[in-house]
Amino acid sequence: MISSILLAAAETVPATPAWNPTVGIIISISSLVMVLLSTRIEKPLVGPKFPILPISIPTFVAAMAFGHIIGVGIVLGLTNIGRL
């Protein structure tokens, strides 16, 4: 059984966009920017080293995850203002 509070909140949730190449490009670019910015943190080389980039594997995974969070925020914001 769904609570009446959840049903009331469901009416105010904005529509989410379907995936398309524009959404993928936005999330990819934001993830790439976060990986590039991750080299500026205090200790990017703690843990096993990534063979290609000058960062460690945990730093790479964390930067990609944060890039996805930022990218989803950008996509939802653009959808909310009607630009996407």
Protein backbone atom coordinates (compact mmCIF):
# COMPACT_ATOMS: atom_id res chain seq x y z
CA MET A 1 0.00 0.00 0.00
CA ILE A 2 1.40 3.42 -0.97
CA SER A 3 1.28 6.14 1.64
CA SER A 4 -0.78 9.23 0.87
CA ILE A 5 2.31 11.39 1.54
CA LEU A 6 4.18 9.59 -1.24
CA LEU A 7 1.25 10.04 -3.60
CA ALA A 8 1.13 13.77 -2.81
CA ALA A 9 4.87 14.12 -3.42
CA ALA A 10 4.69 12.17 -6.68
CA GLU A 11 2.60 14.93 -8.26
CA THR A 12 5.35 17.51 -7.76
CA VAL A 13 8.21 15.49 -9.26
CA PRO A 14 9.25 16.95 -12.62
CA ALA A 15 9.40 14.77 -15.70
CA THR A 16 12.71 13.06 -16.36
CA PRO A 17 14.06 12.94 -19.91
CA ALA A 18 14.50 9.75 -21.86
CA TRP A 19 18.07 8.86 -22.72
CA ASN A 20 19.34 10.34 -25.98
CA PRO A 21 22.81 11.19 -27.31
CA THR A 22 22.65 14.71 -25.85
CA VAL A 23 22.19 13.29 -22.35
CA GLY A 24 25.09 10.90 -22.92
CA ILE A 25 27.36 13.70 -24.14
CA ILE A 26 26.53 15.89 -21.14
CA ILE A 27 27.26 13.12 -18.65
CA SER A 28 30.44 12.09 -20.51
CA ILE A 29 31.79 15.63 -20.56
CA SER A 30 31.02 16.20 -16.89
CA SER A 31 32.74 12.91 -16.00
CA LEU A 32 35.79 13.85 -18.08
CA VAL A 33 35.99 17.26 -16.40
CA MET A 34 35.85 15.63 -12.97
CA VAL A 35 38.66 13.22 -13.91
CA LEU A 36 40.78 16.15 -15.08
CA LEU A 37 40.03 18.05 -11.87
CA SER A 38 40.88 15.00 -9.76
CA THR A 39 44.57 15.51 -10.51
CA ARG A 40 44.34 18.73 -8.46
CA ILE A 41 43.35 17.02 -5.18
CA GLU A 42 45.84 16.69 -2.34
CA LYS A 43 46.72 12.99 -2.69
CA PRO A 44 45.56 11.61 -6.06
CA LEU A 45 48.08 8.74 -6.01
CA VAL A 46 46.96 6.85 -2.88
CA GLY A 47 46.24 3.21 -3.72
CA PRO A 48 46.95 1.18 -6.86
CA LYS A 49 48.13 3.35 -9.73
CA PHE A 50 46.12 3.76 -12.91
CA PRO A 51 48.33 2.73 -15.85
CA ILE A 52 47.35 5.57 -18.21
CA LEU A 53 46.44 8.63 -16.11
CA PRO A 54 48.47 10.23 -13.32
CA ILE A 55 45.87 9.22 -10.72
CA SER A 56 45.08 6.10 -8.74
CA ILE A 57 42.26 3.70 -9.50
CA PRO A 58 40.16 4.74 -6.45
CA THR A 59 40.55 8.40 -7.43
CA PHE A 60 39.45 7.59 -10.99
CA VAL A 61 36.37 5.68 -9.82
CA ALA A 62 35.42 8.45 -7.37
CA ALA A 63 35.89 11.15 -10.04
CA MET A 64 33.74 9.24 -12.53
CA ALA A 65 31.02 8.69 -9.92
CA PHE A 66 31.04 12.38 -8.97
CA GLY A 67 31.00 13.30 -12.67
CA HIS A 68 27.89 11.21 -13.16
CA ILE A 69 26.21 12.91 -10.19
CA ILE A 70 27.07 16.35 -11.58
CA GLY A 71 25.97 15.29 -15.09
CA VAL A 72 22.60 14.02 -13.86
CA GLY A 73 22.11 17.32 -12.03
CA ILE A 74 22.88 19.24 -15.21
CA VAL A 75 20.50 17.09 -17.27
CA LEU A 76 17.68 17.43 -14.74
CA GLY A 77 18.27 21.17 -14.46
CA LEU A 78 18.21 21.65 -18.22
CA THR A 79 15.08 19.53 -18.47
CA ASN A 80 13.41 21.53 -15.71
CA ILE A 81 14.01 24.84 -17.52
CA GLY A 82 12.92 23.36 -20.85
CA ARG A 83 16.26 23.39 -22.67
CA LEU A 84 16.59 19.64 -23.06
